[in-house]
Amino acid sequence: MTDQELLQRISHDSKVLAGKPVIRGTRLSVDFILNLLAHGSSFDEILDEYEGLTLTDIQACLLFASQSLASATFMPLTAESA
């Protein structure tokens, strides 16, 4: 599956979760899925918990996050001296 095909699984609509990116056809936000993974949930645990969700949906969340970070601009934080 191409990156473009994966990213088509992610949508955002101002009427759904205030426009947060979600897995198309669900109210499961990308950040919710990433948070589950960050806190130790396995792919299989997530798939078992959310009927209809696919491994490809989770991969789409990871790709979306990766591409979002790749296009973000970061500025270093500097500590002010007292």
PDB file of N, CA and C in Angstrom:
ATOM      1  N   MET A   1       0.859  -1.184   0.000  1.00  0.00           N
ATOM      2  CA  MET A   1       0.000   0.000   0.000  1.00  0.00           C
ATOM      3  C   MET A   1       0.900   1.240   0.000  1.00  0.00           C
ATOM      4  N   THR A   2       0.560   2.198  -0.817  1.00  0.00           N
ATOM      5  CA  THR A   2       1.362   3.416  -0.907  1.00  0.00           C
ATOM      6  C   THR A   2       1.051   4.355   0.255  1.00  0.00           C
ATOM      7  N   ASP A   3       1.954   5.331   0.448  1.00  0.00           N
ATOM      8  CA  ASP A   3       1.716   6.334   1.486  1.00  0.00           C
ATOM      9  C   ASP A   3       0.395   7.052   1.246  1.00  0.00           C
ATOM     10  N   GLN A   4       0.134   7.394  -0.004  1.00  0.00           N
ATOM     11  CA  GLN A   4      -1.100   8.120  -0.327  1.00  0.00           C
ATOM     12  C   GLN A   4      -2.334   7.294   0.029  1.00  0.00           C
ATOM     13  N   GLU A   5      -2.289   6.002  -0.272  1.00  0.00           N
ATOM     14  CA  GLU A   5      -3.424   5.130   0.061  1.00  0.00           C
ATOM     15  C   GLU A   5      -3.613   5.034   1.571  1.00  0.00           C
ATOM     16  N   LEU A   6      -2.500   4.945   2.306  1.00  0.00           N
ATOM     17  CA  LEU A   6      -2.606   4.910   3.767  1.00  0.00           C
ATOM     18  C   LEU A   6      -3.205   6.207   4.302  1.00  0.00           C
ATOM     19  N   LEU A   7      -2.720   7.325   3.799  1.00  0.00           N
ATOM     20  CA  LEU A   7      -3.188   8.615   4.304  1.00  0.00           C
ATOM     21  C   LEU A   7      -4.651   8.879   3.969  1.00  0.00           C
ATOM     22  N   GLN A   8      -5.185   8.224   2.956  1.00  0.00           N
ATOM     23  CA  GLN A   8      -6.609   8.376   2.642  1.00  0.00           C
ATOM     24  C   GLN A   8      -7.485   7.754   3.729  1.00  0.00           C
ATOM     25  N   ARG A   9      -6.903   6.948   4.593  1.00  0.00           N
ATOM     26  CA  ARG A   9      -7.647   6.339   5.693  1.00  0.00           C
ATOM     27  C   ARG A   9      -7.835   7.321   6.855  1.00  0.00           C
ATOM     28  N   ILE A  10      -7.144   8.450   6.792  1.00  0.00           N
ATOM     29  CA  ILE A  10      -7.243   9.475   7.829  1.00  0.00           C
ATOM     30  C   ILE A  10      -8.051  10.645   7.277  1.00  0.00           C
ATOM     31  N   SER A  11      -9.002  11.113   8.062  1.00  0.00           N
ATOM     32  CA  SER A  11      -9.811  12.252   7.622  1.00  0.00           C
ATOM     33  C   SER A  11      -9.956  13.251   8.754  1.00  0.00           C
ATOM     34  N   HIS A  12     -10.392  14.438   8.408  1.00  0.00           N
ATOM     35  CA  HIS A  12     -10.719  15.434   9.434  1.00  0.00           C
ATOM     36  C   HIS A  12     -11.900  16.252   8.945  1.00  0.00           C
ATOM     37  N   ASP A  13     -12.798  16.471   9.865  1.00  0.00           N
ATOM     38  CA  ASP A  13     -14.035  17.186   9.568  1.00  0.00           C
ATOM     39  C   ASP A  13     -14.353  18.008  10.809  1.00  0.00           C
ATOM     40  N   SER A  14     -14.605  19.268  10.627  1.00  0.00           N
ATOM     41  CA  SER A  14     -14.863  20.141  11.781  1.00  0.00           C
ATOM     42  C   SER A  14     -16.057  19.677  12.612  1.00  0.00           C
ATOM     43  N   LYS A  15     -16.903  18.824  12.040  1.00  0.00           N
ATOM     44  CA  LYS A  15     -18.076  18.329  12.768  1.00  0.00           C
ATOM     45  C   LYS A  15     -17.782  17.055  13.549  1.00  0.00           C
ATOM     46  N   VAL A  16     -16.580  16.491  13.375  1.00  0.00           N
ATOM     47  CA  VAL A  16     -16.209  15.254  14.074  1.00  0.00           C
ATOM     48  C   VAL A  16     -14.993  15.529  14.946  1.00  0.00           C
ATOM     49  N   LEU A  17     -15.165  15.386  16.249  1.00  0.00           N
ATOM     50  CA  LEU A  17     -14.086  15.612  17.215  1.00  0.00           C
ATOM     51  C   LEU A  17     -13.378  16.946  17.002  1.00  0.00           C
ATOM     52  N   ALA A  18     -14.143  17.966  16.726  1.00  0.00           N
ATOM     53  CA  ALA A  18     -13.626  19.330  16.562  1.00  0.00           C
ATOM     54  C   ALA A  18     -12.536  19.422  15.498  1.00  0.00           C
ATOM     55  N   GLY A  19     -12.626  18.558  14.490  1.00  0.00           N
ATOM     56  CA  GLY A  19     -11.684  18.627  13.379  1.00  0.00           C
ATOM     57  C   GLY A  19     -10.388  17.856  13.564  1.00  0.00           C
ATOM     58  N   LYS A  20     -10.276  17.122  14.667  1.00  0.00           N
ATOM     59  CA  LYS A  20      -9.069  16.317  14.870  1.00  0.00           C
ATOM     60  C   LYS A  20      -8.973  15.258  13.779  1.00  0.00           C
ATOM     61  N   PRO A  21      -7.753  14.889  13.381  1.00  0.00           N
ATOM     62  CA  PRO A  21      -7.613  13.795  12.420  1.00  0.00           C
ATOM     63  C   PRO A  21      -8.106  12.482  13.041  1.00  0.00           C
ATOM     64  N   VAL A  22      -8.949  11.779  12.320  1.00  0.00           N
ATOM     65  CA  VAL A  22      -9.516  10.516  12.803  1.00  0.00           C
ATOM     66  C   VAL A  22      -9.356   9.442  11.732  1.00  0.00           C
ATOM     67  N   ILE A  23      -9.496   8.206  12.152  1.00  0.00           N
ATOM     68  CA  ILE A  23      -9.535   7.113  11.202  1.00  0.00           C
ATOM     69  C   ILE A  23     -10.879   7.209  10.494  1.00  0.00           C
ATOM     70  N   ARG A  24     -10.836   7.279   9.170  1.00  0.00           N
ATOM     71  CA  ARG A  24     -12.038   7.490   8.357  1.00  0.00           C
ATOM     72  C   ARG A  24     -13.165   6.543   8.780  1.00  0.00           C
ATOM     73  N   GLY A  25     -14.342   7.105   8.963  1.00  0.00           N
ATOM     74  CA  GLY A  25     -15.515   6.316   9.310  1.00  0.00           C
ATOM     75  C   GLY A  25     -15.634   5.991  10.789  1.00  0.00           C
ATOM     76  N   THR A  26     -14.722   6.559  11.601  1.00  0.00           N
ATOM     77  CA  THR A  26     -14.767   6.305  13.044  1.00  0.00           C
ATOM     78  C   THR A  26     -14.670   7.629  13.794  1.00  0.00           C
ATOM     79  N   ARG A  27     -14.747   7.539  15.088  1.00  0.00           N
ATOM     80  CA  ARG A  27     -14.462   8.674  15.957  1.00  0.00           C
ATOM     81  C   ARG A  27     -13.203   8.383  16.769  1.00  0.00           C
ATOM     82  N   LEU A  28     -12.350   7.545  16.217  1.00  0.00           N
ATOM     83  CA  LEU A  28     -11.069   7.233  16.854  1.00  0.00           C
ATOM     84  C   LEU A  28     -10.023   8.172  16.272  1.00  0.00           C
ATOM     85  N   SER A  29      -9.515   9.061  17.119  1.00  0.00           N
ATOM     86  CA  SER A  29      -8.545  10.036  16.632  1.00  0.00           C
ATOM     87  C   SER A  29      -7.159   9.412  16.508  1.00  0.00           C
ATOM     88  N   VAL A  30      -6.373   9.995  15.628  1.00  0.00           N
ATOM     89  CA  VAL A  30      -4.994   9.554  15.443  1.00  0.00           C
ATOM     90  C   VAL A  30      -4.247   9.649  16.767  1.00  0.00           C
ATOM     91  N   ASP A  31      -4.404  10.759  17.478  1.00  0.00           N
ATOM     92  CA  ASP A  31      -3.664  10.911  18.735  1.00  0.00           C
ATOM     93  C   ASP A  31      -4.112   9.899  19.786  1.00  0.00           C
ATOM     94  N   PHE A  32      -5.364   9.482  19.767  1.00  0.00           N
ATOM     95  CA  PHE A  32      -5.833   8.457  20.702  1.00  0.00           C
ATOM     96  C   PHE A  32      -5.124   7.134  20.441  1.00  0.00           C
ATOM     97  N   ILE A  33      -5.044   6.741  19.171  1.00  0.00           N
ATOM     98  CA  ILE A  33      -4.373   5.487  18.815  1.00  0.00           C
ATOM     99  C   ILE A  33      -2.893   5.562  19.165  1.00  0.00           C
ATOM    100  N   LEU A  34      -2.246   6.692  18.862  1.00  0.00           N
ATOM    101  CA  LEU A  34      -0.831   6.857  19.193  1.00  0.00           C
ATOM    102  C   LEU A  34      -0.609   6.799  20.704  1.00  0.00           C
ATOM    103  N   ASN A  35      -1.518   7.372  21.457  1.00  0.00           N
ATOM    104  CA  ASN A  35      -1.414   7.349  22.921  1.00  0.00           C
ATOM    105  C   ASN A  35      -1.529   5.920  23.444  1.00  0.00           C
ATOM    106  N   LEU A  36      -2.429   5.134  22.877  1.00  0.00           N
ATOM    107  CA  LEU A  36      -2.532   3.729  23.281  1.00  0.00           C
ATOM    108  C   LEU A  36      -1.212   3.003  23.034  1.00  0.00           C
ATOM    109  N   LEU A  37      -0.630   3.219  21.864  1.00  0.00           N
ATOM    110  CA  LEU A  37       0.648   2.580  21.531  1.00  0.00           C
ATOM    111  C   LEU A  37       1.757   3.065  22.470  1.00  0.00           C
ATOM    112  N   ALA A  38       1.785   4.353  22.742  1.00  0.00           N
ATOM    113  CA  ALA A  38       2.817   4.928  23.606  1.00  0.00           C
ATOM    114  C   ALA A  38       2.754   4.367  25.023  1.00  0.00           C
ATOM    115  N   HIS A  39       1.561   3.993  25.445  1.00  0.00           N
ATOM    116  CA  HIS A  39       1.392   3.458  26.799  1.00  0.00           C
ATOM    117  C   HIS A  39       1.428   1.935  26.849  1.00  0.00           C
ATOM    118  N   GLY A  40       1.916   1.329  25.775  1.00  0.00           N
ATOM    119  CA  GLY A  40       2.198  -0.095  25.815  1.00  0.00           C
ATOM    120  C   GLY A  40       1.168  -1.023  25.210  1.00  0.00           C
ATOM    121  N   SER A  41       0.084  -0.500  24.695  1.00  0.00           N
ATOM    122  CA  SER A  41      -0.888  -1.383  24.044  1.00  0.00           C
ATOM    123  C   SER A  41      -0.272  -1.951  22.770  1.00  0.00           C
ATOM    124  N   SER A  42      -0.502  -3.217  22.530  1.00  0.00           N
ATOM    125  CA  SER A  42      -0.013  -3.829  21.291  1.00  0.00           C
ATOM    126  C   SER A  42      -1.028  -3.598  20.180  1.00  0.00           C
ATOM    127  N   PHE A  43      -0.578  -3.803  18.958  1.00  0.00           N
ATOM    128  CA  PHE A  43      -1.503  -3.697  17.831  1.00  0.00           C
ATOM    129  C   PHE A  43      -2.678  -4.641  18.039  1.00  0.00           C
ATOM    130  N   ASP A  44      -2.368  -5.881  18.446  1.00  0.00           N
ATOM    131  CA  ASP A  44      -3.433  -6.875  18.627  1.00  0.00           C
ATOM    132  C   ASP A  44      -4.423  -6.460  19.705  1.00  0.00           C
ATOM    133  N   GLU A  45      -3.937  -5.881  20.806  1.00  0.00           N
ATOM    134  CA  GLU A  45      -4.842  -5.430  21.876  1.00  0.00           C
ATOM    135  C   GLU A  45      -5.775  -4.341  21.360  1.00  0.00           C
ATOM    136  N   ILE A  46      -5.241  -3.408  20.586  1.00  0.00           N
ATOM    137  CA  ILE A  46      -6.067  -2.325  20.041  1.00  0.00           C
ATOM    138  C   ILE A  46      -7.096  -2.889  19.067  1.00  0.00           C
ATOM    139  N   LEU A  47      -6.661  -3.788  18.207  1.00  0.00           N
ATOM    140  CA  LEU A  47      -7.576  -4.377  17.225  1.00  0.00           C
ATOM    141  C   LEU A  47      -8.673  -5.192  17.902  1.00  0.00           C
ATOM    142  N   ASP A  48      -8.338  -5.876  18.996  1.00  0.00           N
ATOM    143  CA  ASP A  48      -9.340  -6.651  19.735  1.00  0.00           C
ATOM    144  C   ASP A  48     -10.360  -5.734  20.417  1.00  0.00           C
ATOM    145  N   GLU A  49      -9.900  -4.584  20.879  1.00  0.00           N
ATOM    146  CA  GLU A  49     -10.762  -3.664  21.626  1.00  0.00           C
ATOM    147  C   GLU A  49     -11.704  -2.871  20.716  1.00  0.00           C
ATOM    148  N   TYR A  50     -11.267  -2.549  19.504  1.00  0.00           N
ATOM    149  CA  TYR A  50     -12.037  -1.677  18.624  1.00  0.00           C
ATOM    150  C   TYR A  50     -12.412  -2.427  17.352  1.00  0.00           C
ATOM    151  N   GLU A  51     -13.584  -3.027  17.396  1.00  0.00           N
ATOM    152  CA  GLU A  51     -14.087  -3.828  16.284  1.00  0.00           C
ATOM    153  C   GLU A  51     -14.152  -2.991  15.001  1.00  0.00           C
ATOM    154  N   GLY A  52     -13.712  -3.560  13.935  1.00  0.00           N
ATOM    155  CA  GLY A  52     -13.741  -2.873  12.649  1.00  0.00           C
ATOM    156  C   GLY A  52     -12.448  -2.155  12.321  1.00  0.00           C
ATOM    157  N   LEU A  53     -11.621  -1.918  13.333  1.00  0.00           N
ATOM    158  CA  LEU A  53     -10.328  -1.298  13.112  1.00  0.00           C
ATOM    159  C   LEU A  53      -9.390  -2.330  12.501  1.00  0.00           C
ATOM    160  N   THR A  54      -8.516  -1.889  11.601  1.00  0.00           N
ATOM    161  CA  THR A  54      -7.594  -2.813  10.942  1.00  0.00           C
ATOM    162  C   THR A  54      -6.149  -2.410  11.226  1.00  0.00           C
ATOM    163  N   LEU A  55      -5.260  -3.348  10.985  1.00  0.00           N
ATOM    164  CA  LEU A  55      -3.832  -3.063  11.126  1.00  0.00           C
ATOM    165  C   LEU A  55      -3.448  -1.903  10.202  1.00  0.00           C
ATOM    166  N   THR A  56      -4.022  -1.860   9.039  1.00  0.00           N
ATOM    167  CA  THR A  56      -3.742  -0.782   8.088  1.00  0.00           C
ATOM    168  C   THR A  56      -4.154   0.572   8.658  1.00  0.00           C
ATOM    169  N   ASP A  57      -5.236   0.613   9.433  1.00  0.00           N
ATOM    170  CA  ASP A  57      -5.664   1.863  10.073  1.00  0.00           C
ATOM    171  C   ASP A  57      -4.600   2.350  11.054  1.00  0.00           C
ATOM    172  N   ILE A  58      -4.049   1.428  11.836  1.00  0.00           N
ATOM    173  CA  ILE A  58      -3.013   1.800  12.798  1.00  0.00           C
ATOM    174  C   ILE A  58      -1.758   2.267  12.061  1.00  0.00           C
ATOM    175  N   GLN A  59      -1.408   1.575  10.991  1.00  0.00           N
ATOM    176  CA  GLN A  59      -0.251   1.991  10.183  1.00  0.00           C
ATOM    177  C   GLN A  59      -0.484   3.383   9.605  1.00  0.00           C
ATOM    178  N   ALA A  60      -1.703   3.676   9.217  1.00  0.00           N
ATOM    179  CA  ALA A  60      -2.031   4.997   8.683  1.00  0.00           C
ATOM    180  C   ALA A  60      -1.833   6.076   9.751  1.00  0.00           C
ATOM    181  N   CYS A  61      -2.191   5.769  10.991  1.00  0.00           N
ATOM    182  CA  CYS A  61      -1.978   6.720  12.096  1.00  0.00           C
ATOM    183  C   CYS A  61      -0.494   7.003  12.278  1.00  0.00           C
ATOM    184  N   LEU A  62       0.317   5.958  12.237  1.00  0.00           N
ATOM    185  CA  LEU A  62       1.758   6.129  12.399  1.00  0.00           C
ATOM    186  C   LEU A  62       2.353   6.950  11.259  1.00  0.00           C
ATOM    187  N   LEU A  63       1.927   6.687  10.039  1.00  0.00           N
ATOM    188  CA  LEU A  63       2.425   7.440   8.895  1.00  0.00           C
ATOM    189  C   LEU A  63       1.982   8.901   8.978  1.00  0.00           C
ATOM    190  N   PHE A  64       0.729   9.126   9.348  1.00  0.00           N
ATOM    191  CA  PHE A  64       0.221  10.493   9.480  1.00  0.00           C
ATOM    192  C   PHE A  64       1.060  11.267  10.486  1.00  0.00           C
ATOM    193  N   ALA A  65       1.337  10.655  11.640  1.00  0.00           N
ATOM    194  CA  ALA A  65       2.133  11.313  12.673  1.00  0.00           C
ATOM    195  C   ALA A  65       3.549  11.585  12.170  1.00  0.00           C
ATOM    196  N   SER A  66       4.125  10.609  11.512  1.00  0.00           N
ATOM    197  CA  SER A  66       5.473  10.765  10.984  1.00  0.00           C
ATOM    198  C   SER A  66       5.547  11.914   9.990  1.00  0.00           C
ATOM    199  N   GLN A  67       4.615  11.969   9.066  1.00  0.00           N
ATOM    200  CA  GLN A  67       4.633  13.033   8.070  1.00  0.00           C
ATOM    201  C   GLN A  67       4.293  14.392   8.676  1.00  0.00           C
ATOM    202  N   SER A  68       3.455  14.403   9.689  1.00  0.00           N
ATOM    203  CA  SER A  68       3.135  15.662  10.367  1.00  0.00           C
ATOM    204  C   SER A  68       4.375  16.230  11.050  1.00  0.00           C
ATOM    205  N   LEU A  69       5.138  15.362  11.694  1.00  0.00           N
ATOM    206  CA  LEU A  69       6.356  15.814  12.358  1.00  0.00           C
ATOM    207  C   LEU A  69       7.432  16.215  11.351  1.00  0.00           C
ATOM    208  N   ALA A  70       7.496  15.511  10.247  1.00  0.00           N
ATOM    209  CA  ALA A  70       8.509  15.818   9.231  1.00  0.00           C
ATOM    210  C   ALA A  70       8.304  17.202   8.632  1.00  0.00           C
ATOM    211  N   SER A  71       7.062  17.645   8.571  1.00  0.00           N
ATOM    212  CA  SER A  71       6.788  18.944   7.965  1.00  0.00           C
ATOM    213  C   SER A  71       6.686  20.071   8.997  1.00  0.00           C
ATOM    214  N   ALA A  72       6.874  19.740  10.276  1.00  0.00           N
ATOM    215  CA  ALA A  72       6.787  20.751  11.331  1.00  0.00           C
ATOM    216  C   ALA A  72       8.122  21.476  11.481  1.00  0.00           C
ATOM    217  N   THR A  73       8.056  22.722  11.888  1.00  0.00           N
ATOM    218  CA  THR A  73       9.253  23.496  12.168  1.00  0.00           C
ATOM    219  C   THR A  73       9.443  23.537  13.677  1.00  0.00           C
ATOM    220  N   PHE A  74      10.639  23.220  14.101  1.00  0.00           N
ATOM    221  CA  PHE A  74      10.950  23.216  15.527  1.00  0.00           C
ATOM    222  C   PHE A  74      11.983  24.292  15.820  1.00  0.00           C
ATOM    223  N   MET A  75      11.779  24.958  16.917  1.00  0.00           N
ATOM    224  CA  MET A  75      12.736  25.973  17.340  1.00  0.00           C
ATOM    225  C   MET A  75      13.300  25.539  18.684  1.00  0.00           C
ATOM    226  N   PRO A  76      14.616  25.625  18.845  1.00  0.00           N
ATOM    227  CA  PRO A  76      15.204  25.210  20.120  1.00  0.00           C
ATOM    228  C   PRO A  76      14.759  26.111  21.255  1.00  0.00           C
ATOM    229  N   LEU A  77      14.571  25.517  22.392  1.00  0.00           N
ATOM    230  CA  LEU A  77      14.221  26.284  23.589  1.00  0.00           C
ATOM    231  C   LEU A  77      15.523  26.736  24.235  1.00  0.00           C
ATOM    232  N   THR A  78      15.558  27.949  24.684  1.00  0.00           N
ATOM    233  CA  THR A  78      16.740  28.436  25.377  1.00  0.00           C
ATOM    234  C   THR A  78      16.364  28.803  26.797  1.00  0.00           C
ATOM    235  N   ALA A  79      17.235  28.477  27.704  1.00  0.00           N
ATOM    236  CA  ALA A  79      17.003  28.816  29.107  1.00  0.00           C
ATOM    237  C   ALA A  79      17.479  30.229  29.362  1.00  0.00           C
ATOM    238  N   GLU A  80      16.660  30.965  30.061  1.00  0.00           N
ATOM    239  CA  GLU A  80      17.053  32.330  30.428  1.00  0.00           C
ATOM    240  C   GLU A  80      17.902  32.272  31.682  1.00  0.00           C
ATOM    241  N   SER A  81      18.952  33.043  31.702  1.00  0.00           N
ATOM    242  CA  SER A  81      19.783  33.071  32.903  1.00  0.00           C
ATOM    243  C   SER A  81      19.217  34.100  33.863  1.00  0.00           C
ATOM    244  N   ALA A  82      19.350  33.810  35.138  1.00  0.00           N
ATOM    245  CA  ALA A  82      18.787  34.686  36.158  1.00  0.00           C
ATOM    246  C   ALA A  82      19.648  35.864  36.470  1.00  0.00           C
TER     247      ALA A  82
END
